[in-house]
Amino acid sequence: MKTPSLLALIASSALALAGSTGCGAAAPRAMSPVASAAQAPAPAALERSLFSRDVTGSVGENELQRILDSRMDLTFPVRVGVVSLDDAFRAESRAAVGEQGIMSGAVTRSLKGATHFSHVTDVSTELPNPQGLEGLRTIAARYRLRYLLLCSARSEDTTHLNNWAWLYATGVGMLLAPGVSVGTQGMLQASLFDVKSGTVLFTVSEPFETSSVTWLIGSGREHSQADGRAMSKAAERLARGVLAQTEHVARWAEEERAAVARNSAHDDGPESDKAAAKATVTR
């Protein structure tokens, strides 16, 4: 048996090394999930409402997915309108006069001068408009408002006769015995409505409650006054909650906008460098 020469061994080793190197170069490099996410295009902002222009405000599956995938594009500081409604999100259901005065007054006073609101105005729902959310968008357009703060109140009357009421059978007891326990359990709600996209940015709720013992005669007046005082205090707390939520979404939107700008600069960086290098060579 012949022993292979040293030259032949060197040649065969070189061929094997070249083959292994070629195979390694041909194998694709797996992109890490982080790099893939960083190179993914930034979602587009929602430029208009995709909801139907009727009372239902319905949305199709494709439009629903577009809304959920879109980027929130918030604008601050901006003009905002305060709307008092009897039923939330319904332009045709105006709140009672007393509730309007309490909610609009307390909320508007609390929001004026806030960093994110350049101007705060009360909004009248008596302007001609279609029903539902589209009606609110129509009213906002007449005021040239980007956002509406929709305020509403729900309450349950818990008034009942207490143990003193047994004296009412005497006749005189109706004048002397505090046999009526007046009370209310309620909830104030405020939602920041984006007129441009037809979406709701957030909702803040604030409960309130009243309870007192009074005489039968004049119990209705006592009940109304107690409810007004409790609702006024709740409206002030509600306004503070609105300011806190606005600060939160504004900061979040700014961070998202900065991330989109960084990704855009990262994507345009190599092209910008090439253009600059080409210009330098031309000069």
C-alpha atoms as a PDB file:
ATOM      1  CA  MET A   1       0.000   0.000   0.000  1.00  0.00           C
ATOM      2  CA  LYS A   2       1.319   3.410  -0.998  1.00  0.00           C
ATOM      3  CA  THR A   3       1.589   6.100   1.637  1.00  0.00           C
ATOM      4  CA  PRO A   4      -0.008   9.389   0.458  1.00  0.00           C
ATOM      5  CA  SER A   5       2.486  12.150  -0.110  1.00  0.00           C
ATOM      6  CA  LEU A   6       2.649  15.238   2.094  1.00  0.00           C
ATOM      7  CA  LEU A   7       1.561  17.439  -0.820  1.00  0.00           C
ATOM      8  CA  ALA A   8      -1.572  15.363  -1.375  1.00  0.00           C
ATOM      9  CA  LEU A   9      -2.516  15.560   2.303  1.00  0.00           C
ATOM     10  CA  ILE A  10      -2.157  19.360   2.321  1.00  0.00           C
ATOM     11  CA  ALA A  11      -4.283  19.685  -0.812  1.00  0.00           C
ATOM     12  CA  SER A  12      -7.090  17.505   0.542  1.00  0.00           C
ATOM     13  CA  SER A  13      -7.135  19.420   3.872  1.00  0.00           C
ATOM     14  CA  ALA A  14      -7.381  22.717   2.025  1.00  0.00           C
ATOM     15  CA  LEU A  15     -10.346  21.455  -0.042  1.00  0.00           C
ATOM     16  CA  ALA A  16     -12.168  20.250   3.097  1.00  0.00           C
ATOM     17  CA  LEU A  17     -11.645  23.590   4.849  1.00  0.00           C
ATOM     18  CA  ALA A  18     -12.906  25.522   1.838  1.00  0.00           C
ATOM     19  CA  GLY A  19     -16.033  23.338   1.663  1.00  0.00           C
ATOM     20  CA  SER A  20     -16.857  23.798   5.328  1.00  0.00           C
ATOM     21  CA  THR A  21     -16.365  27.585   5.050  1.00  0.00           C
ATOM     22  CA  GLY A  22     -18.665  27.769   2.052  1.00  0.00           C
ATOM     23  CA  CYS A  23     -21.416  25.859   3.851  1.00  0.00           C
ATOM     24  CA  GLY A  24     -21.148  28.159   6.858  1.00  0.00           C
ATOM     25  CA  ALA A  25     -21.430  31.256   4.668  1.00  0.00           C
ATOM     26  CA  ALA A  26     -24.492  29.862   2.907  1.00  0.00           C
ATOM     27  CA  ALA A  27     -26.404  29.286   6.165  1.00  0.00           C
ATOM     28  CA  PRO A  28     -28.679  32.259   6.909  1.00  0.00           C
ATOM     29  CA  ARG A  29     -28.280  34.069  10.193  1.00  0.00           C
ATOM     30  CA  ALA A  30     -31.381  34.026  12.345  1.00  0.00           C
ATOM     31  CA  MET A  31     -32.571  37.526  13.245  1.00  0.00           C
ATOM     32  CA  SER A  32     -33.262  38.017  16.922  1.00  0.00           C
ATOM     33  CA  PRO A  33     -36.820  38.931  17.913  1.00  0.00           C
ATOM     34  CA  VAL A  34     -35.600  42.233  19.340  1.00  0.00           C
ATOM     35  CA  ALA A  35     -33.944  43.245  16.074  1.00  0.00           C
ATOM     36  CA  SER A  36     -36.994  42.158  14.105  1.00  0.00           C
ATOM     37  CA  ALA A  37     -39.285  44.254  16.299  1.00  0.00           C
ATOM     38  CA  ALA A  38     -36.965  47.248  16.026  1.00  0.00           C
ATOM     39  CA  GLN A  39     -37.011  47.058  12.206  1.00  0.00           C
ATOM     40  CA  ALA A  40     -40.814  46.618  12.008  1.00  0.00           C
ATOM     41  CA  PRO A  41     -42.549  49.650  10.485  1.00  0.00           C
ATOM     42  CA  ALA A  42     -44.244  51.967  12.971  1.00  0.00           C
ATOM     43  CA  PRO A  43     -48.069  51.782  12.927  1.00  0.00           C
ATOM     44  CA  ALA A  44     -49.864  54.682  11.284  1.00  0.00           C
ATOM     45  CA  ALA A  45     -52.020  57.071  13.285  1.00  0.00           C
ATOM     46  CA  LEU A  46     -55.792  57.071  12.834  1.00  0.00           C
ATOM     47  CA  GLU A  47     -56.547  60.112  10.681  1.00  0.00           C
ATOM     48  CA  ARG A  48     -60.368  59.900  10.715  1.00  0.00           C
ATOM     49  CA  SER A  49     -63.264  58.064  12.274  1.00  0.00           C
ATOM     50  CA  LEU A  50     -64.002  54.613  10.857  1.00  0.00           C
ATOM     51  CA  PHE A  51     -67.310  54.195  12.690  1.00  0.00           C
ATOM     52  CA  SER A  52     -70.602  54.327  10.821  1.00  0.00           C
ATOM     53  CA  ARG A  53     -72.307  57.714  10.681  1.00  0.00           C
ATOM     54  CA  ASP A  54     -75.560  56.643  12.294  1.00  0.00           C
ATOM     55  CA  VAL A  55     -76.969  56.198  15.770  1.00  0.00           C
ATOM     56  CA  THR A  56     -75.376  52.756  16.237  1.00  0.00           C
ATOM     57  CA  GLY A  57     -71.833  53.882  15.390  1.00  0.00           C
ATOM     58  CA  SER A  58     -71.067  50.331  14.280  1.00  0.00           C
ATOM     59  CA  VAL A  59     -67.730  49.229  12.852  1.00  0.00           C
ATOM     60  CA  GLY A  60     -66.762  46.371  10.525  1.00  0.00           C
ATOM     61  CA  GLU A  61     -64.128  43.764  11.294  1.00  0.00           C
ATOM     62  CA  ASN A  62     -61.520  45.312   8.981  1.00  0.00           C
ATOM     63  CA  GLU A  63     -62.066  48.764  10.412  1.00  0.00           C
ATOM     64  CA  LEU A  64     -61.975  47.385  13.949  1.00  0.00           C
ATOM     65  CA  GLN A  65     -58.579  45.797  13.324  1.00  0.00           C
ATOM     66  CA  ARG A  66     -57.290  49.040  11.783  1.00  0.00           C
ATOM     67  CA  ILE A  67     -58.370  50.987  14.859  1.00  0.00           C
ATOM     68  CA  LEU A  68     -56.691  48.552  17.243  1.00  0.00           C
ATOM     69  CA  ASP A  69     -53.481  48.483  15.192  1.00  0.00           C
ATOM     70  CA  SER A  70     -53.244  52.248  14.729  1.00  0.00           C
ATOM     71  CA  ARG A  71     -50.986  54.533  16.734  1.00  0.00           C
ATOM     72  CA  MET A  72     -52.582  57.060  19.084  1.00  0.00           C
ATOM     73  CA  ASP A  73     -51.814  60.565  17.826  1.00  0.00           C
ATOM     74  CA  LEU A  74     -52.680  62.988  20.622  1.00  0.00           C
ATOM     75  CA  THR A  75     -52.383  66.758  20.446  1.00  0.00           C
ATOM     76  CA  PHE A  76     -51.684  68.889  23.539  1.00  0.00           C
ATOM     77  CA  PRO A  77     -52.244  71.627  24.570  1.00  0.00           C
ATOM     78  CA  VAL A  78     -55.599  71.846  22.841  1.00  0.00           C
ATOM     79  CA  ARG A  79     -59.117  73.256  23.137  1.00  0.00           C
ATOM     80  CA  VAL A  80     -61.553  71.040  25.016  1.00  0.00           C
ATOM     81  CA  GLY A  81     -65.308  71.285  25.552  1.00  0.00           C
ATOM     82  CA  VAL A  82     -67.239  70.124  28.632  1.00  0.00           C
ATOM     83  CA  VAL A  83     -70.605  68.488  27.892  1.00  0.00           C
ATOM     84  CA  SER A  84     -73.161  67.536  30.565  1.00  0.00           C
ATOM     85  CA  LEU A  85     -75.378  64.635  29.486  1.00  0.00           C
ATOM     86  CA  ASP A  86     -78.165  62.740  31.175  1.00  0.00           C
ATOM     87  CA  ASP A  87     -77.152  59.518  29.403  1.00  0.00           C
ATOM     88  CA  ALA A  88     -73.485  59.030  28.590  1.00  0.00           C
ATOM     89  CA  PHE A  89     -72.462  59.541  24.933  1.00  0.00           C
ATOM     90  CA  ARG A  90     -75.941  60.651  23.788  1.00  0.00           C
ATOM     91  CA  ALA A  91     -76.104  64.211  22.495  1.00  0.00           C
ATOM     92  CA  GLU A  92     -79.902  64.198  22.560  1.00  0.00           C
ATOM     93  CA  SER A  93     -80.120  63.513  26.311  1.00  0.00           C
ATOM     94  CA  ARG A  94     -79.343  66.745  28.118  1.00  0.00           C
ATOM     95  CA  ALA A  95     -78.757  66.601  31.844  1.00  0.00           C
ATOM     96  CA  ALA A  96     -81.166  68.333  34.211  1.00  0.00           C
ATOM     97  CA  VAL A  97     -80.544  72.021  34.778  1.00  0.00           C
ATOM     98  CA  GLY A  98     -79.267  71.466  38.325  1.00  0.00           C
ATOM     99  CA  GLU A  99     -76.882  68.712  37.268  1.00  0.00           C
ATOM    100  CA  GLN A 100     -75.601  70.788  34.354  1.00  0.00           C
ATOM    101  CA  GLY A 101     -74.810  73.691  36.636  1.00  0.00           C
ATOM    102  CA  ILE A 102     -73.022  71.512  39.172  1.00  0.00           C
ATOM    103  CA  MET A 103     -71.023  69.253  36.810  1.00  0.00           C
ATOM    104  CA  SER A 104     -70.133  71.796  34.130  1.00  0.00           C
ATOM    105  CA  GLY A 105     -69.333  74.501  36.656  1.00  0.00           C
ATOM    106  CA  ALA A 106     -67.090  72.411  38.906  1.00  0.00           C
ATOM    107  CA  VAL A 107     -65.317  70.561  36.093  1.00  0.00           C
ATOM    108  CA  THR A 108     -64.773  73.634  33.916  1.00  0.00           C
ATOM    109  CA  ARG A 109     -63.330  75.635  36.809  1.00  0.00           C
ATOM    110  CA  SER A 110     -60.971  72.794  37.696  1.00  0.00           C
ATOM    111  CA  LEU A 111     -59.707  72.319  34.131  1.00  0.00           C
ATOM    112  CA  LYS A 112     -59.082  75.989  33.302  1.00  0.00           C
ATOM    113  CA  GLY A 113     -55.392  76.799  33.442  1.00  0.00           C
ATOM    114  CA  ALA A 114     -54.332  73.150  33.133  1.00  0.00           C
ATOM    115  CA  THR A 115     -51.151  72.517  31.165  1.00  0.00           C
ATOM    116  CA  HIS A 116     -52.728  70.306  28.511  1.00  0.00           C
ATOM    117  CA  PHE A 117     -55.803  72.471  27.800  1.00  0.00           C
ATOM    118  CA  SER A 118     -55.276  75.804  26.078  1.00  0.00           C
ATOM    119  CA  HIS A 119     -58.964  76.703  26.385  1.00  0.00           C
ATOM    120  CA  VAL A 120     -61.910  75.130  28.212  1.00  0.00           C
ATOM    121  CA  THR A 121     -65.482  75.913  27.218  1.00  0.00           C
ATOM    122  CA  ASP A 122     -68.955  74.718  28.096  1.00  0.00           C
ATOM    123  CA  VAL A 123     -70.747  73.082  25.172  1.00  0.00           C
ATOM    124  CA  SER A 124     -74.442  73.313  24.354  1.00  0.00           C
ATOM    125  CA  THR A 125     -76.102  70.192  22.950  1.00  0.00           C
ATOM    126  CA  GLU A 126     -79.018  72.275  21.655  1.00  0.00           C
ATOM    127  CA  LEU A 127     -77.217  72.878  18.368  1.00  0.00           C
ATOM    128  CA  PRO A 128     -78.714  70.941  15.420  1.00  0.00           C
ATOM    129  CA  ASN A 129     -77.066  67.540  15.241  1.00  0.00           C
ATOM    130  CA  PRO A 130     -77.696  63.872  14.454  1.00  0.00           C
ATOM    131  CA  GLN A 131     -78.050  61.503  17.359  1.00  0.00           C
ATOM    132  CA  GLY A 132     -75.416  59.436  19.120  1.00  0.00           C
ATOM    133  CA  LEU A 133     -71.689  59.992  18.988  1.00  0.00           C
ATOM    134  CA  GLU A 134     -71.886  61.452  15.488  1.00  0.00           C
ATOM    135  CA  GLY A 135     -74.082  64.166  16.925  1.00  0.00           C
ATOM    136  CA  LEU A 136     -71.403  64.977  19.477  1.00  0.00           C
ATOM    137  CA  ARG A 137     -68.762  65.100  16.742  1.00  0.00           C
ATOM    138  CA  THR A 138     -70.945  67.509  14.766  1.00  0.00           C
ATOM    139  CA  ILE A 139     -71.335  69.806  17.775  1.00  0.00           C
ATOM    140  CA  ALA A 140     -67.597  69.692  18.472  1.00  0.00           C
ATOM    141  CA  ALA A 141     -66.859  70.640  14.872  1.00  0.00           C
ATOM    142  CA  ARG A 142     -69.019  73.750  15.235  1.00  0.00           C
ATOM    143  CA  TYR A 143     -66.992  74.725  18.288  1.00  0.00           C
ATOM    144  CA  ARG A 144     -63.744  73.696  16.527  1.00  0.00           C
ATOM    145  CA  LEU A 145     -62.810  71.413  19.401  1.00  0.00           C
ATOM    146  CA  ARG A 146     -60.446  68.447  19.132  1.00  0.00           C
ATOM    147  CA  TYR A 147     -61.633  66.831  22.381  1.00  0.00           C
ATOM    148  CA  LEU A 148     -64.884  66.702  24.326  1.00  0.00           C
ATOM    149  CA  LEU A 149     -65.131  65.836  27.998  1.00  0.00           C
ATOM    150  CA  LEU A 150     -68.453  64.020  28.277  1.00  0.00           C
ATOM    151  CA  CYS A 151     -69.861  64.198  31.819  1.00  0.00           C
ATOM    152  CA  SER A 152     -72.885  62.293  33.083  1.00  0.00           C
ATOM    153  CA  ALA A 153     -74.430  61.291  36.400  1.00  0.00           C
ATOM    154  CA  ARG A 154     -76.368  58.229  37.519  1.00  0.00           C
ATOM    155  CA  SER A 155     -78.113  58.005  40.868  1.00  0.00           C
ATOM    156  CA  GLU A 156     -80.425  55.780  42.871  1.00  0.00           C
ATOM    157  CA  ASP A 157     -82.814  57.139  45.496  1.00  0.00           C
ATOM    158  CA  THR A 158     -82.496  55.259  48.798  1.00  0.00           C
ATOM    159  CA  THR A 159     -85.045  57.366  50.735  1.00  0.00           C
ATOM    160  CA  HIS A 160     -87.228  55.418  53.189  1.00  0.00           C
ATOM    161  CA  LEU A 161     -89.275  55.801  56.372  1.00  0.00           C
ATOM    162  CA  ASN A 162     -87.357  55.088  59.566  1.00  0.00           C
ATOM    163  CA  ASN A 163     -88.478  53.968  63.027  1.00  0.00           C
ATOM    164  CA  TRP A 164     -89.770  57.420  63.917  1.00  0.00           C
ATOM    165  CA  ALA A 165     -92.442  57.103  61.257  1.00  0.00           C
ATOM    166  CA  TRP A 166     -94.771  55.130  63.575  1.00  0.00           C
ATOM    167  CA  LEU A 167     -95.566  58.479  65.242  1.00  0.00           C
ATOM    168  CA  TYR A 168     -97.152  59.676  61.994  1.00  0.00           C
ATOM    169  CA  ALA A 169    -100.312  57.816  62.995  1.00  0.00           C
ATOM    170  CA  THR A 170    -100.857  60.398  65.738  1.00  0.00           C
ATOM    171  CA  GLY A 171    -101.043  63.233  63.249  1.00  0.00           C
ATOM    172  CA  VAL A 172     -98.857  65.496  65.362  1.00  0.00           C
ATOM    173  CA  GLY A 173     -95.934  63.151  64.731  1.00  0.00           C
ATOM    174  CA  MET A 174     -95.804  64.287  61.105  1.00  0.00           C
ATOM    175  CA  LEU A 175     -94.727  67.697  62.396  1.00  0.00           C
ATOM    176  CA  LEU A 176     -92.437  66.595  65.208  1.00  0.00           C
ATOM    177  CA  ALA A 177     -90.852  63.244  64.298  1.00  0.00           C
ATOM    178  CA  PRO A 178     -87.892  62.991  61.880  1.00  0.00           C
ATOM    179  CA  GLY A 179     -89.361  59.893  60.301  1.00  0.00           C
ATOM    180  CA  VAL A 180     -87.767  60.152  56.831  1.00  0.00           C
ATOM    181  CA  SER A 181     -84.248  58.974  56.005  1.00  0.00           C
ATOM    182  CA  VAL A 182     -83.288  60.597  52.703  1.00  0.00           C
ATOM    183  CA  GLY A 183     -80.365  59.264  50.763  1.00  0.00           C
ATOM    184  CA  THR A 184     -78.813  58.846  47.338  1.00  0.00           C
ATOM    185  CA  GLN A 185     -76.151  56.594  45.866  1.00  0.00           C
ATOM    186  CA  GLY A 186     -74.696  58.005  42.680  1.00  0.00           C
ATOM    187  CA  MET A 187     -71.833  57.934  40.221  1.00  0.00           C
ATOM    188  CA  LEU A 188     -70.305  60.747  38.175  1.00  0.00           C
ATOM    189  CA  GLN A 189     -68.516  59.818  34.973  1.00  0.00           C
ATOM    190  CA  ALA A 190     -66.277  61.759  32.588  1.00  0.00           C
ATOM    191  CA  SER A 191     -64.874  60.466  29.294  1.00  0.00           C
ATOM    192  CA  LEU A 192     -62.348  62.263  27.074  1.00  0.00           C
ATOM    193  CA  PHE A 193     -63.663  61.866  23.531  1.00  0.00           C
ATOM    194  CA  ASP A 194     -61.332  62.288  20.543  1.00  0.00           C
ATOM    195  CA  VAL A 195     -63.476  64.027  17.934  1.00  0.00           C
ATOM    196  CA  LYS A 196     -61.028  63.362  15.099  1.00  0.00           C
ATOM    197  CA  SER A 197     -60.925  59.570  15.412  1.00  0.00           C
ATOM    198  CA  GLY A 198     -64.246  58.961  17.157  1.00  0.00           C
ATOM    199  CA  THR A 199     -62.543  57.016  19.950  1.00  0.00           C
ATOM    200  CA  VAL A 200     -62.567  57.442  23.732  1.00  0.00           C
ATOM    201  CA  LEU A 201     -59.184  58.057  25.351  1.00  0.00           C
ATOM    202  CA  PHE A 202     -60.235  57.264  28.910  1.00  0.00           C
ATOM    203  CA  THR A 203     -63.140  57.270  31.390  1.00  0.00           C
ATOM    204  CA  VAL A 204     -62.998  58.417  34.996  1.00  0.00           C
ATOM    205  CA  SER A 205     -65.722  57.564  37.530  1.00  0.00           C
ATOM    206  CA  GLU A 206     -66.340  59.132  40.926  1.00  0.00           C
ATOM    207  CA  PRO A 207     -68.987  57.842  43.364  1.00  0.00           C
ATOM    208  CA  PHE A 208     -70.975  60.008  45.754  1.00  0.00           C
ATOM    209  CA  GLU A 209     -73.469  59.256  48.493  1.00  0.00           C
ATOM    210  CA  THR A 210     -75.834  61.189  50.764  1.00  0.00           C
ATOM    211  CA  SER A 211     -77.716  60.129  53.860  1.00  0.00           C
ATOM    212  CA  SER A 212     -79.603  62.209  56.426  1.00  0.00           C
ATOM    213  CA  VAL A 213     -82.651  62.047  58.702  1.00  0.00           C
ATOM    214  CA  THR A 214     -85.296  64.736  58.334  1.00  0.00           C
ATOM    215  CA  TRP A 215     -88.964  65.557  58.793  1.00  0.00           C
ATOM    216  CA  LEU A 216     -91.622  64.536  56.328  1.00  0.00           C
ATOM    217  CA  ILE A 217     -92.452  68.129  55.452  1.00  0.00           C
ATOM    218  CA  GLY A 218     -89.540  69.577  53.521  1.00  0.00           C
ATOM    219  CA  SER A 219     -87.772  66.230  53.031  1.00  0.00           C
ATOM    220  CA  GLY A 220     -87.664  66.708  49.268  1.00  0.00           C
ATOM    221  CA  ARG A 221     -85.881  70.045  49.585  1.00  0.00           C
ATOM    222  CA  GLU A 222     -83.427  68.619  52.118  1.00  0.00           C
ATOM    223  CA  HIS A 223     -82.751  65.683  49.818  1.00  0.00           C
ATOM    224  CA  SER A 224     -82.086  67.923  46.805  1.00  0.00           C
ATOM    225  CA  GLN A 225     -79.721  70.194  48.722  1.00  0.00           C
ATOM    226  CA  ALA A 226     -77.750  67.257  50.151  1.00  0.00           C
ATOM    227  CA  ASP A 227     -77.419  65.726  46.686  1.00  0.00           C
ATOM    228  CA  GLY A 228     -76.199  69.035  45.249  1.00  0.00           C
ATOM    229  CA  ARG A 229     -73.481  69.414  47.881  1.00  0.00           C
ATOM    230  CA  ALA A 230     -72.295  65.823  47.465  1.00  0.00           C
ATOM    231  CA  MET A 231     -72.327  66.051  43.666  1.00  0.00           C
ATOM    232  CA  SER A 232     -70.338  69.298  43.706  1.00  0.00           C
ATOM    233  CA  LYS A 233     -67.582  67.748  45.822  1.00  0.00           C
ATOM    234  CA  ALA A 234     -67.594  64.617  43.659  1.00  0.00           C
ATOM    235  CA  ALA A 235     -67.292  66.769  40.522  1.00  0.00           C
ATOM    236  CA  GLU A 236     -64.158  68.420  41.924  1.00  0.00           C
ATOM    237  CA  ARG A 237     -62.638  65.002  42.627  1.00  0.00           C
ATOM    238  CA  LEU A 238     -63.690  63.893  39.155  1.00  0.00           C
ATOM    239  CA  ALA A 239     -61.889  66.847  37.580  1.00  0.00           C
ATOM    240  CA  ARG A 240     -58.699  65.960  39.457  1.00  0.00           C
ATOM    241  CA  GLY A 241     -58.992  62.418  38.133  1.00  0.00           C
ATOM    242  CA  VAL A 242     -59.419  63.761  34.594  1.00  0.00           C
ATOM    243  CA  LEU A 243     -56.272  65.875  34.923  1.00  0.00           C
ATOM    244  CA  ALA A 244     -54.288  62.889  36.214  1.00  0.00           C
ATOM    245  CA  GLN A 245     -55.474  60.651  33.376  1.00  0.00           C
ATOM    246  CA  THR A 246     -54.768  63.364  30.796  1.00  0.00           C
ATOM    247  CA  GLU A 247     -51.236  63.739  32.138  1.00  0.00           C
ATOM    248  CA  HIS A 248     -50.770  59.979  31.886  1.00  0.00           C
ATOM    249  CA  VAL A 249     -51.984  59.594  28.284  1.00  0.00           C
ATOM    250  CA  ALA A 250     -50.109  62.719  27.168  1.00  0.00           C
ATOM    251  CA  ARG A 251     -46.850  61.378  28.593  1.00  0.00           C
ATOM    252  CA  TRP A 252     -47.478  57.966  27.065  1.00  0.00           C
ATOM    253  CA  ALA A 253     -48.259  59.489  23.646  1.00  0.00           C
ATOM    254  CA  GLU A 254     -45.085  61.585  23.800  1.00  0.00           C
ATOM    255  CA  GLU A 255     -42.991  58.516  24.569  1.00  0.00           C
ATOM    256  CA  GLU A 256     -44.613  56.651  21.682  1.00  0.00           C
ATOM    257  CA  ARG A 257     -44.003  59.591  19.329  1.00  0.00           C
ATOM    258  CA  ALA A 258     -40.356  59.731  20.388  1.00  0.00           C
ATOM    259  CA  ALA A 259     -39.982  55.982  19.785  1.00  0.00           C
ATOM    260  CA  VAL A 260     -41.427  56.355  16.285  1.00  0.00           C
ATOM    261  CA  ALA A 261     -39.039  59.229  15.576  1.00  0.00           C
ATOM    262  CA  ARG A 262     -36.058  57.170  16.757  1.00  0.00           C
ATOM    263  CA  ASN A 263     -37.074  54.239  14.580  1.00  0.00           C
ATOM    264  CA  SER A 264     -37.515  56.564  11.601  1.00  0.00           C
ATOM    265  CA  ALA A 265     -34.090  58.124  12.172  1.00  0.00           C
ATOM    266  CA  HIS A 266     -32.585  54.646  12.527  1.00  0.00           C
ATOM    267  CA  ASP A 267     -34.120  53.529   9.243  1.00  0.00           C
ATOM    268  CA  ASP A 268     -33.054  56.689   7.393  1.00  0.00           C
ATOM    269  CA  GLY A 269     -29.571  56.746   8.946  1.00  0.00           C
ATOM    270  CA  PRO A 270     -27.673  54.548   6.423  1.00  0.00           C
ATOM    271  CA  GLU A 271     -29.311  56.263   3.454  1.00  0.00           C
ATOM    272  CA  SER A 272     -28.475  59.672   4.897  1.00  0.00           C
ATOM    273  CA  ASP A 273     -24.874  58.594   5.433  1.00  0.00           C
ATOM    274  CA  LYS A 274     -24.652  57.337   1.841  1.00  0.00           C
ATOM    275  CA  ALA A 275     -26.097  60.573   0.494  1.00  0.00           C
ATOM    276  CA  ALA A 276     -23.661  62.626   2.557  1.00  0.00           C
ATOM    277  CA  ALA A 277     -20.713  60.508   1.397  1.00  0.00           C
ATOM    278  CA  LYS A 278     -21.826  60.863  -2.242  1.00  0.00           C
ATOM    279  CA  ALA A 279     -22.105  64.619  -1.879  1.00  0.00           C
ATOM    280  CA  THR A 280     -18.629  64.770  -0.365  1.00  0.00           C
ATOM    281  CA  VAL A 281     -17.151  62.768  -3.236  1.00  0.00           C
ATOM    282  CA  THR A 282     -18.915  64.993  -5.791  1.00  0.00           C
ATOM    283  CA  ARG A 283     -17.458  68.124  -4.212  1.00  0.00           C
END
